[in-house]
Amino acid sequence: MTTDDTNAGQAAPAKKIHTDPTKDFFVTMITRDIQLRDCIFDLLDNSIDGARRKPSDDDTKPFIGYEIRLAFDENYFRIEDNTGGIRLSDAIDYAFHFGRRADSPEVPGGIGLYGIGMKRAIFKIGRICSVTSHADDASFRVNINVEEWKAQDAWDFDYEDIEKSETHGTQIQITAVNDGVKEMLGDPVFRNELMKAIARDYAFFIQQGLKISVGDDIVPSYTYQLRQSEDLMPSVDQYEDNGVHVRILAGLVDELPDDIPDELKPGKVDRYGWFVICNDRVVLAADKTEATIWGDDKFNLWHPQYNGFAGFVFYNADDQRRLPWTTTKRELDPASPLYRRTITRMKAVTQVFTDYTNRRKADIETAKAAETPRAQVDISQLKIAQAFKLPTIAAAAAPRPATISIQYSRDKREVEEIKRHLGNIGMSARDVGIKTFEYFREVELGK
């Protein structure tokens, strides 16, 4: 058998077109459409998931003793925590991987999702970074020079072993801060707005014992409460949907307006609307757009008369991939069947409220007295299903009409006789009635 005969039964080698991604394109794309604040939040999420990995004996305060510290100016950014660190085995195979591997260890109920948060934050903020971890299995440091790494063919990072520490946690420090980010990190307005956003979006973790600080300032506890009285009860709806526990709350957080223009209450507006929370992380806050329900499929647009209303949707799942959020955790997937089913319930309870705001116009004073709370209840305590109860407002009496119709029957020949007397045989019977009514008032009443 000849060589040609041997090769005759073998397929020719496939011809390849190379599709390897470039690092520069990858870095640009994953950082392009995300805000600096949300990159910082990705790092907070990773620290919180580190604490979740450790079982807690306190169900109400599972994060007690854990702390995350942020520090930054125009020259650097640093985040450090004591939430357990990154295990070396996880760092080698998972934590620095670009994207979540199918065999990645899961954090039940976690808020880290796609496996790009830490890398995206590093690339967004600066060009020099060190990641230092002390975990129960090892202590190590990863030094990253982004420009040098981009120039290499390999996608891996090098690490070095360091002296162990009894305090287990992670520190990420970034220098050579990127243009644009440098100005923001040096701006005290950005710092204050970041603290306010952390207080709002991580409120449920802070309530559970987590301590977060920015520089020397501790992020304050932000409490979500709804009004409650005999005449006013928040709505509570809860159910299971494909492995996700859903809880929908709705009620009043503040007085409803009467004739006060919306622009006179700018400081309170962000408390109103719909909030969406995934595994205790606020994803949408005080939404008044069709991202939730407002204006969606001909539903009511938000109106200033609704100021005072707040709704909360809690999604909780061990598998965070079931939750309807996007990679930035600042938006929801509008095509998610889970979310669309929730929207139907959100609209129903909101319609109860909007109908009430129309009825209350008939008796504002009675409504405002009934809306005055005897108690403010923390929404974390609302666990039992109940219907939305709003004050009963009596329907307004219909205003008396300014005119009244007079109807009677008379012999047609008599009516025609009057028409001829008035000199207009073509006038209508209605006009005959008006003329005779006016004649009576003039002659008999002197009007």
Protein backbone atom coordinates (compact mmCIF):
# COMPACT_ATOMS: atom_id res chain seq x y z
CA MET A 1 0.00 0.00 0.00
CA THR A 2 1.44 3.34 -0.96
CA THR A 3 1.64 6.45 1.19
CA ASP A 4 -0.94 8.08 -1.04
CA ASP A 5 -3.28 5.13 -0.43
CA THR A 6 -2.80 5.49 3.35
CA ASN A 7 -3.64 9.21 3.34
CA ALA A 8 -6.59 8.79 1.03
CA GLY A 9 -8.98 7.89 3.89
CA GLN A 10 -7.93 10.80 6.12
CA ALA A 11 -9.71 14.18 6.15
CA ALA A 12 -7.66 17.20 5.17
CA PRO A 13 -6.65 19.48 8.08
CA ALA A 14 -9.26 22.13 8.84
CA LYS A 15 -8.41 25.63 7.68
CA LYS A 16 -8.53 28.09 10.60
CA ILE A 17 -9.59 31.72 10.89
CA HIS A 18 -8.17 33.15 14.10
CA THR A 19 -10.65 34.79 16.51
CA ASP A 20 -8.53 35.34 19.60
CA PRO A 21 -9.73 38.42 21.54
CA THR A 22 -7.34 41.30 22.05
CA LYS A 23 -6.78 42.39 25.62
CA ASP A 24 -7.17 46.05 24.76
CA PHE A 25 -10.60 45.45 23.22
CA PHE A 26 -11.63 43.32 26.20
CA VAL A 27 -10.53 45.90 28.77
CA THR A 28 -12.23 48.72 26.87
CA MET A 29 -15.53 46.92 26.42
CA ILE A 30 -16.04 45.65 29.97
CA THR A 31 -15.35 49.12 31.43
CA ARG A 32 -17.04 51.29 28.83
CA ASP A 33 -20.66 51.29 30.03
CA ILE A 34 -20.23 51.08 33.79
CA GLN A 35 -19.93 53.99 36.19
CA LEU A 36 -17.07 54.32 38.67
CA ARG A 37 -19.52 54.02 41.56
CA ASP A 38 -20.80 50.67 40.29
CA CYS A 39 -17.25 49.35 39.87
CA ILE A 40 -16.61 50.20 43.51
CA PHE A 41 -19.87 48.44 44.37
CA ASP A 42 -18.59 45.31 42.57
CA LEU A 43 -15.65 45.27 44.99
CA LEU A 44 -18.01 45.72 47.95
CA ASP A 45 -20.07 42.82 46.65
CA ASN A 46 -17.02 40.56 46.56
CA SER A 47 -16.15 41.44 50.15
CA ILE A 48 -19.72 40.74 51.29
CA ASP A 49 -19.71 37.37 49.53
CA GLY A 50 -16.51 36.57 51.40
CA ALA A 51 -18.38 37.03 54.67
CA ARG A 52 -21.29 34.92 53.38
CA ARG A 53 -18.96 31.94 53.00
CA LYS A 54 -18.64 31.72 56.77
CA PRO A 55 -21.62 30.35 58.69
CA SER A 56 -23.09 32.65 61.36
CA ASP A 57 -24.81 31.76 64.60
CA ASP A 58 -26.83 34.98 64.52
CA ASP A 59 -29.60 34.92 61.89
CA THR A 60 -30.51 38.56 62.49
CA LYS A 61 -26.92 39.89 62.51
CA PRO A 62 -24.93 37.50 60.29
CA PHE A 63 -22.43 40.24 59.33
CA ILE A 64 -21.60 41.41 62.84
CA GLY A 65 -17.84 41.82 63.24
CA TYR A 66 -17.17 42.24 59.52
CA GLU A 67 -15.82 45.53 58.20
CA ILE A 68 -15.05 46.97 54.76
CA ARG A 69 -12.88 50.09 54.57
CA LEU A 70 -12.59 52.38 51.54
CA ALA A 71 -9.95 55.07 51.15
CA PHE A 72 -9.05 57.14 48.10
CA ASP A 73 -7.94 60.45 46.67
CA GLU A 74 -6.86 61.55 43.21
CA ASN A 75 -3.71 59.39 43.41
CA TYR A 76 -4.96 56.04 44.69
CA PHE A 77 -7.89 53.82 45.61
CA ARG A 78 -7.91 51.17 48.32
CA ILE A 79 -10.49 48.72 49.65
CA GLU A 80 -9.73 46.28 52.46
CA ASP A 81 -11.84 43.94 54.51
CA ASN A 82 -11.71 41.24 57.18
CA THR A 83 -14.25 38.95 55.52
CA GLY A 84 -12.08 35.86 55.06
CA GLY A 85 -9.79 36.60 52.13
CA ILE A 86 -9.45 34.73 48.84
CA ARG A 87 -8.31 31.15 49.18
CA LEU A 88 -5.19 30.51 47.08
CA SER A 89 -6.82 27.57 45.31
CA ASP A 90 -9.75 29.79 44.34
CA ALA A 91 -7.40 32.56 43.19
CA ILE A 92 -5.45 30.21 40.92
CA ASP A 93 -8.49 28.62 39.27
CA TYR A 94 -11.43 31.00 39.67
CA ALA A 95 -11.15 34.46 41.27
CA PHE A 96 -8.94 36.04 38.58
CA HIS A 97 -10.60 34.20 35.72
CA PHE A 98 -12.30 36.43 33.14
CA GLY A 99 -15.86 35.24 33.49
CA ARG A 100 -17.38 32.66 35.82
CA ARG A 101 -16.33 29.10 35.12
CA ALA A 102 -19.00 26.42 35.13
CA ASP A 103 -17.31 24.66 38.07
CA SER A 104 -16.81 27.84 40.14
CA PRO A 105 -17.60 27.38 43.84
CA GLU A 106 -20.95 28.97 44.59
CA VAL A 107 -21.82 31.33 47.44
CA PRO A 108 -25.44 30.55 48.33
CA GLY A 109 -27.41 33.78 48.27
CA GLY A 110 -24.39 35.70 46.96
CA ILE A 111 -24.34 38.93 44.98
CA GLY A 112 -21.22 38.31 42.88
CA LEU A 113 -22.44 37.03 39.55
CA TYR A 114 -20.45 37.00 36.33
CA GLY A 115 -16.85 36.77 37.53
CA ILE A 116 -15.67 40.06 36.04
CA GLY A 117 -16.31 42.55 38.86
CA MET A 118 -12.83 42.75 40.39
CA LYS A 119 -11.01 42.85 37.07
CA ARG A 120 -13.43 45.43 35.65
CA ALA A 121 -12.97 47.66 38.70
CA ILE A 122 -9.17 47.46 38.47
CA PHE A 123 -9.15 48.34 34.77
CA LYS A 124 -11.66 51.15 35.28
CA ILE A 125 -9.77 52.82 38.12
CA GLY A 126 -6.09 52.62 37.26
CA ARG A 127 -3.10 50.88 35.68
CA ILE A 128 -1.13 49.59 38.69
CA CYS A 129 -2.74 47.28 41.21
CA SER A 130 -1.85 44.94 44.05
CA VAL A 131 -4.26 42.35 45.46
CA THR A 132 -3.22 41.02 48.85
CA SER A 133 -5.10 38.15 50.46
CA HIS A 134 -4.85 36.38 53.80
CA ALA A 135 -7.07 33.30 53.92
CA ASP A 136 -7.15 30.13 55.98
CA ASP A 137 -5.07 28.18 53.44
CA ALA A 138 -2.42 30.74 52.41
CA SER A 139 -1.38 34.36 52.10
CA PHE A 140 -0.35 35.78 48.73
CA ARG A 141 -0.08 38.94 46.65
CA VAL A 142 -0.84 39.56 42.99
CA ASN A 143 0.83 42.60 41.40
CA ILE A 144 -0.72 43.81 38.15
CA ASN A 145 0.70 46.36 35.74
CA VAL A 146 -2.17 46.67 33.28
CA GLU A 147 -0.13 48.08 30.39
CA GLU A 148 2.58 45.42 30.71
CA TRP A 149 -0.06 42.68 31.02
CA LYS A 150 -1.85 43.91 27.88
CA ALA A 151 1.44 43.66 25.95
CA GLN A 152 1.86 39.96 26.82
CA ASP A 153 0.27 37.06 24.96
CA ALA A 154 -0.57 35.19 28.17
CA TRP A 155 -3.70 36.15 30.12
CA ASP A 156 -2.43 34.83 33.47
CA PHE A 157 -1.25 36.91 36.44
CA ASP A 158 1.76 36.06 38.62
CA TYR A 159 1.45 35.77 42.40
CA GLU A 160 3.92 35.61 45.28
CA ASP A 161 3.63 34.00 48.70
CA ILE A 162 3.77 36.38 51.66
CA GLU A 163 3.87 36.08 55.41
CA LYS A 164 0.63 34.80 56.90
CA SER A 165 -1.65 36.94 59.04
CA GLU A 166 -4.12 35.92 61.72
CA THR A 167 -6.61 38.43 60.30
CA HIS A 168 -8.16 36.94 57.21
CA GLY A 169 -9.16 39.45 54.57
CA THR A 170 -8.37 41.09 51.27
CA GLN A 171 -6.79 44.39 50.31
CA ILE A 172 -6.92 45.84 46.79
CA GLN A 173 -4.86 48.97 46.15
CA ILE A 174 -4.85 50.74 42.78
CA THR A 175 -2.50 53.54 41.71
CA ALA A 176 -1.60 55.26 38.42
CA VAL A 177 -5.23 56.33 38.42
CA ASN A 178 -6.85 56.79 35.01
CA ASP A 179 -7.76 60.22 33.69
CA GLY A 180 -11.35 61.10 34.50
CA VAL A 181 -11.36 58.75 37.47
CA LYS A 182 -8.59 60.84 39.03
CA GLU A 183 -10.82 63.92 39.10
CA MET A 184 -13.75 62.01 40.59
CA LEU A 185 -11.74 60.38 43.37
CA GLY A 186 -10.39 63.80 44.33
CA ASP A 187 -13.83 65.43 44.36
CA PRO A 188 -15.47 65.73 47.81
CA VAL A 189 -18.89 65.83 46.12
CA PHE A 190 -18.27 62.38 44.62
CA ARG A 191 -17.18 61.11 48.03
CA ASN A 192 -20.35 62.35 49.71
CA GLU A 193 -22.58 61.00 46.96
CA LEU A 194 -20.81 57.63 47.16
CA MET A 195 -21.47 57.42 50.90
CA LYS A 196 -25.14 58.23 50.38
CA ALA A 197 -25.43 55.57 47.67
CA ILE A 198 -23.71 52.94 49.85
CA ALA A 199 -26.00 53.80 52.77
CA ARG A 200 -29.05 53.30 50.56
CA ASP A 201 -28.02 50.30 48.44
CA TYR A 202 -26.30 48.30 51.20
CA ALA A 203 -28.76 49.25 53.94
CA PHE A 204 -29.89 45.68 54.55
CA PHE A 205 -26.31 44.45 55.04
CA ILE A 206 -25.52 47.32 57.40
CA GLN A 207 -28.67 46.50 59.39
CA GLN A 208 -27.32 42.93 59.66
CA GLY A 209 -24.12 44.12 61.32
CA LEU A 210 -21.79 45.01 58.44
CA LYS A 211 -19.61 48.08 59.02
CA ILE A 212 -18.54 50.12 55.98
CA SER A 213 -16.33 53.17 56.22
CA VAL A 214 -15.08 55.73 53.72
CA GLY A 215 -11.90 57.29 55.06
CA ASP A 216 -12.56 58.15 58.70
CA ASP A 217 -16.34 58.25 58.25
CA ILE A 218 -18.62 55.32 58.92
CA VAL A 219 -21.45 54.90 56.42
CA PRO A 220 -24.67 55.55 58.36
CA SER A 221 -27.50 53.07 58.68
CA TYR A 222 -30.36 53.80 56.28
CA THR A 223 -33.72 52.46 57.46
CA TYR A 224 -36.65 51.75 55.15
CA GLN A 225 -39.96 52.15 56.97
CA LEU A 226 -43.64 52.30 56.03
CA ARG A 227 -46.53 53.97 57.84
CA GLN A 228 -48.96 51.82 59.73
CA SER A 229 -52.14 52.55 61.70
CA GLU A 230 -55.68 51.21 62.08
CA ASP A 231 -56.66 52.90 58.83
CA LEU A 232 -53.41 52.34 56.97
CA MET A 233 -51.67 49.00 56.44
CA PRO A 234 -48.86 48.26 53.97
CA SER A 235 -49.44 45.58 51.38
CA VAL A 236 -47.43 42.37 51.76
CA ASP A 237 -47.42 39.75 48.98
CA GLN A 238 -44.99 36.84 48.93
CA TYR A 239 -44.60 33.70 46.87
CA GLU A 240 -42.11 31.27 45.34
CA ASP A 241 -41.28 31.42 41.64
CA ASN A 242 -38.88 28.91 40.09
CA GLY A 243 -36.50 28.74 43.03
CA VAL A 244 -36.77 32.44 43.88
CA HIS A 245 -38.57 33.79 46.95
CA VAL A 246 -40.38 37.00 46.00
CA ARG A 247 -41.75 39.52 48.51
CA ILE A 248 -43.63 42.62 47.35
CA LEU A 249 -44.33 45.44 49.80
CA ALA A 250 -46.16 48.71 49.17
CA GLY A 251 -47.25 51.58 51.37
CA LEU A 252 -46.70 55.17 52.43
CA VAL A 253 -43.31 56.46 53.54
CA ASP A 254 -44.39 60.07 53.82
CA GLU A 255 -47.35 62.41 53.70
CA LEU A 256 -49.17 62.56 50.40
CA PRO A 257 -49.25 66.03 48.85
CA ASP A 258 -52.36 68.15 48.42
CA ASP A 259 -51.60 71.40 46.63
CA ILE A 260 -47.86 71.51 47.37
CA PRO A 261 -45.85 71.69 44.13
CA ASP A 262 -43.47 68.79 43.65
CA GLU A 263 -40.50 71.10 43.15
CA LEU A 264 -40.84 72.32 46.73
CA LYS A 265 -39.87 68.86 48.05
CA PRO A 266 -36.69 68.00 46.14
CA GLY A 267 -35.03 66.36 49.14
CA LYS A 268 -37.77 63.75 49.52
CA VAL A 269 -38.38 62.70 45.94
CA ASP A 270 -35.78 59.89 45.99
CA ARG A 271 -37.72 58.11 48.72
CA TYR A 272 -40.71 57.54 46.45
CA GLY A 273 -41.31 55.00 43.70
CA TRP A 274 -40.44 51.32 43.34
CA PHE A 275 -37.31 49.72 44.80
CA VAL A 276 -35.99 46.34 43.59
CA ILE A 277 -33.65 44.36 45.85
CA CYS A 278 -31.79 41.17 44.84
CA ASN A 279 -30.34 39.06 47.66
CA ASP A 280 -30.49 42.14 49.93
CA ARG A 281 -28.61 44.34 47.42
CA VAL A 282 -30.61 47.33 46.14
CA VAL A 283 -30.58 47.19 42.33
CA LEU A 284 -33.14 49.89 41.49
CA ALA A 285 -33.93 52.67 43.95
CA ALA A 286 -36.97 54.97 43.96
CA ASP A 287 -37.71 54.19 40.33
CA LYS A 288 -40.39 56.30 38.63
CA THR A 289 -39.89 55.05 35.07
CA GLU A 290 -41.00 52.16 32.90
CA ALA A 291 -37.97 50.23 34.18
CA THR A 292 -40.44 49.13 36.83
CA ILE A 293 -44.10 49.87 36.00
CA TRP A 294 -44.57 53.59 35.37
CA GLY A 295 -45.78 54.04 31.80
CA ASP A 296 -45.23 50.35 31.02
CA ASP A 297 -47.89 49.03 28.62
CA LYS A 298 -50.18 52.06 29.14
CA PHE A 299 -49.93 51.94 32.93
CA ASN A 300 -49.96 55.27 34.80
CA LEU A 301 -46.97 57.53 34.37
CA TRP A 302 -45.50 58.74 37.64
CA HIS A 303 -47.25 61.88 38.87
CA PRO A 304 -46.35 64.24 41.75
CA GLN A 305 -49.63 63.34 43.48
CA TYR A 306 -48.08 59.91 44.16
CA ASN A 307 -45.26 61.40 46.26
CA GLY A 308 -45.31 59.54 49.55
CA PHE A 309 -45.73 56.09 47.98
CA ALA A 310 -42.99 53.46 47.98
CA GLY A 311 -42.97 49.86 46.83
CA PHE A 312 -40.30 47.23 47.45
CA VAL A 313 -39.65 43.99 45.56
CA PHE A 314 -37.30 41.53 47.26
CA TYR A 315 -35.84 38.66 45.23
CA ASN A 316 -33.91 36.07 47.23
CA ALA A 317 -32.34 32.92 45.80
CA ASP A 318 -29.43 30.65 46.66
CA ASP A 319 -28.56 30.62 42.95
CA GLN A 320 -28.08 34.29 42.09
CA ARG A 321 -28.17 33.47 38.37
CA ARG A 322 -31.94 33.06 38.71
CA LEU A 323 -32.34 36.72 39.66
CA PRO A 324 -33.40 39.22 36.95
CA TRP A 325 -30.45 41.63 37.13
CA THR A 326 -27.74 42.61 34.64
CA THR A 327 -23.95 42.56 35.03
CA THR A 328 -23.85 46.11 36.41
CA LYS A 329 -26.45 45.22 39.08
CA ARG A 330 -27.95 48.62 38.38
CA GLU A 331 -30.57 47.43 35.89
CA LEU A 332 -33.11 44.63 35.52
CA ASP A 333 -33.62 42.37 32.54
CA PRO A 334 -36.97 43.53 31.12
CA ALA A 335 -37.34 40.24 29.22
CA SER A 336 -37.00 38.10 32.34
CA PRO A 337 -40.18 35.98 32.75
CA LEU A 338 -39.68 36.13 36.52
CA TYR A 339 -39.64 39.92 36.44
CA ARG A 340 -42.59 40.20 34.04
CA ARG A 341 -44.70 38.06 36.36
CA THR A 342 -43.74 40.32 39.25
CA ILE A 343 -44.66 43.41 37.22
CA THR A 344 -48.27 42.19 37.01
CA ARG A 345 -48.53 42.08 40.82
CA MET A 346 -46.75 45.42 41.21
CA LYS A 347 -49.24 47.07 38.89
CA ALA A 348 -52.19 45.61 40.76
CA VAL A 349 -51.13 46.94 44.16
CA THR A 350 -50.08 50.30 42.70
CA GLN A 351 -53.48 50.67 41.05
CA VAL A 352 -55.09 50.36 44.48
CA PHE A 353 -52.98 53.29 45.63
CA THR A 354 -53.43 55.51 42.55
CA ASP A 355 -57.21 55.02 42.70
CA TYR A 356 -57.09 56.12 46.33
CA THR A 357 -55.17 59.30 45.47
CA ASN A 358 -58.01 60.25 43.14
CA ARG A 359 -60.69 59.57 45.78
CA ARG A 360 -58.89 61.47 48.54
CA LYS A 361 -59.27 64.73 46.64
CA ALA A 362 -62.92 64.74 47.77
CA ASP A 363 -61.91 65.15 51.43
CA ILE A 364 -58.22 66.00 51.82
CA GLU A 365 -58.43 66.87 55.53
CA THR A 366 -60.09 63.59 56.51
CA ALA A 367 -57.61 61.66 54.39
CA LYS A 368 -54.56 63.39 55.88
CA ALA A 369 -55.81 62.77 59.42
CA ALA A 370 -56.33 59.07 58.67
CA GLU A 371 -52.91 58.79 56.99
CA THR A 372 -51.11 60.08 60.08
CA PRO A 373 -49.22 57.04 61.40
CA ARG A 374 -49.41 55.63 64.85
CA ALA A 375 -46.27 53.67 64.04
CA GLN A 376 -43.51 53.40 61.48
CA VAL A 377 -42.73 49.75 60.77
CA ASP A 378 -39.37 48.58 59.45
CA ILE A 379 -40.01 46.76 56.19
CA SER A 380 -37.75 43.89 57.29
CA GLN A 381 -40.45 43.06 59.85
CA LEU A 382 -43.23 42.75 57.25
CA LYS A 383 -43.25 38.99 56.74
CA ILE A 384 -46.96 38.07 56.85
CA ALA A 385 -49.15 38.50 53.77
CA GLN A 386 -51.76 41.24 54.07
CA ALA A 387 -53.83 43.42 51.74
CA PHE A 388 -53.16 47.09 51.14
CA LYS A 389 -55.42 49.02 53.52
CA LEU A 390 -56.01 52.70 52.86
CA PRO A 391 -58.35 55.18 54.59
CA THR A 392 -62.00 55.14 53.53
CA ILE A 393 -62.97 58.39 51.85
CA ALA A 394 -66.69 59.04 51.34
CA ALA A 395 -67.58 59.78 47.76
CA ALA A 396 -68.15 63.48 47.16
CA ALA A 397 -71.77 64.51 46.68
CA ALA A 398 -72.48 65.33 43.07
CA PRO A 399 -72.85 69.11 42.60
CA ARG A 400 -76.36 70.32 41.96
CA PRO A 401 -76.82 71.21 38.32
CA ALA A 402 -77.27 74.91 37.51
CA THR A 403 -80.23 74.12 35.23
CA ILE A 404 -83.18 71.73 35.25
CA SER A 405 -85.31 70.34 32.45
CA ILE A 406 -89.08 70.99 32.42
CA GLN A 407 -91.17 68.58 30.38
CA TYR A 408 -94.96 68.42 29.87
CA SER A 409 -97.40 67.49 27.11
CA ARG A 410 -100.01 69.77 25.54
CA ASP A 411 -102.47 69.56 22.65
CA LYS A 412 -100.60 70.10 19.40
CA ARG A 413 -103.23 72.57 18.12
CA GLU A 414 -102.73 74.74 21.22
CA VAL A 415 -98.96 74.75 20.72
CA GLU A 416 -99.36 75.70 17.05
CA GLU A 417 -101.67 78.53 18.12
CA ILE A 418 -98.95 79.96 20.38
CA LYS A 419 -96.38 79.70 17.58
CA ARG A 420 -98.61 81.77 15.28
CA HIS A 421 -99.18 84.32 18.03
CA LEU A 422 -95.39 84.63 18.49
CA GLY A 423 -95.02 85.10 14.73
CA ASN A 424 -92.78 82.08 14.16
CA ILE A 425 -94.69 78.99 13.02
CA GLY A 426 -91.39 77.14 12.50
CA MET A 427 -90.10 77.41 16.07
CA SER A 428 -89.55 74.22 18.08
CA ALA A 429 -91.75 73.00 20.91
CA ARG A 430 -88.73 73.52 23.20
CA ASP A 431 -88.55 77.21 22.26
CA VAL A 432 -92.30 77.53 22.85
CA GLY A 433 -91.77 76.20 26.35
CA ILE A 434 -88.93 78.67 27.00
CA LYS A 435 -91.00 81.63 25.77
CA THR A 436 -94.03 80.73 27.90
CA PHE A 437 -91.75 80.18 30.96
CA GLU A 438 -90.14 83.60 30.45
CA TYR A 439 -93.59 85.24 29.97
CA PHE A 440 -94.81 83.77 33.28
CA ARG A 441 -91.75 85.02 35.19
CA GLU A 442 -92.13 88.52 33.68
CA VAL A 443 -95.88 88.92 34.16
CA GLU A 444 -96.42 87.01 37.41
CA LEU A 445 -93.06 87.51 39.15
CA GLY A 446 -91.93 90.78 37.64
CA LYS A 447 -88.57 89.24 36.70
